[in-house]
């Protein structure tokens, strides 16, 4: 099995790829920012072109809000929901 390491920070993504490879895993870095539709589209195209399909998706993306999730203004709450939806549907 090949593990695709998706991350928006290329340095950290490549470090995770190296760590997995050092442990014997066939790992490949894929740049992706789940809050950016163009980035998601580019990552999907890369996966399709290089691997044909994605069999398993483990989502470890998260959102940290300094003021907590309760009482968010509508605009911020919509942003949080959109980021979660893009993550799941990508």
Foldseek 3Di string as FASTA:
>chain_A
DEAEQEDQDVVVQVVVQVVCVVVPHRYHYQYADLLDPVRLVVSVVVCCVPPVDDDDDDDPDDDDDPVDDPPDDPVVVVSRVSSVVSRVVD
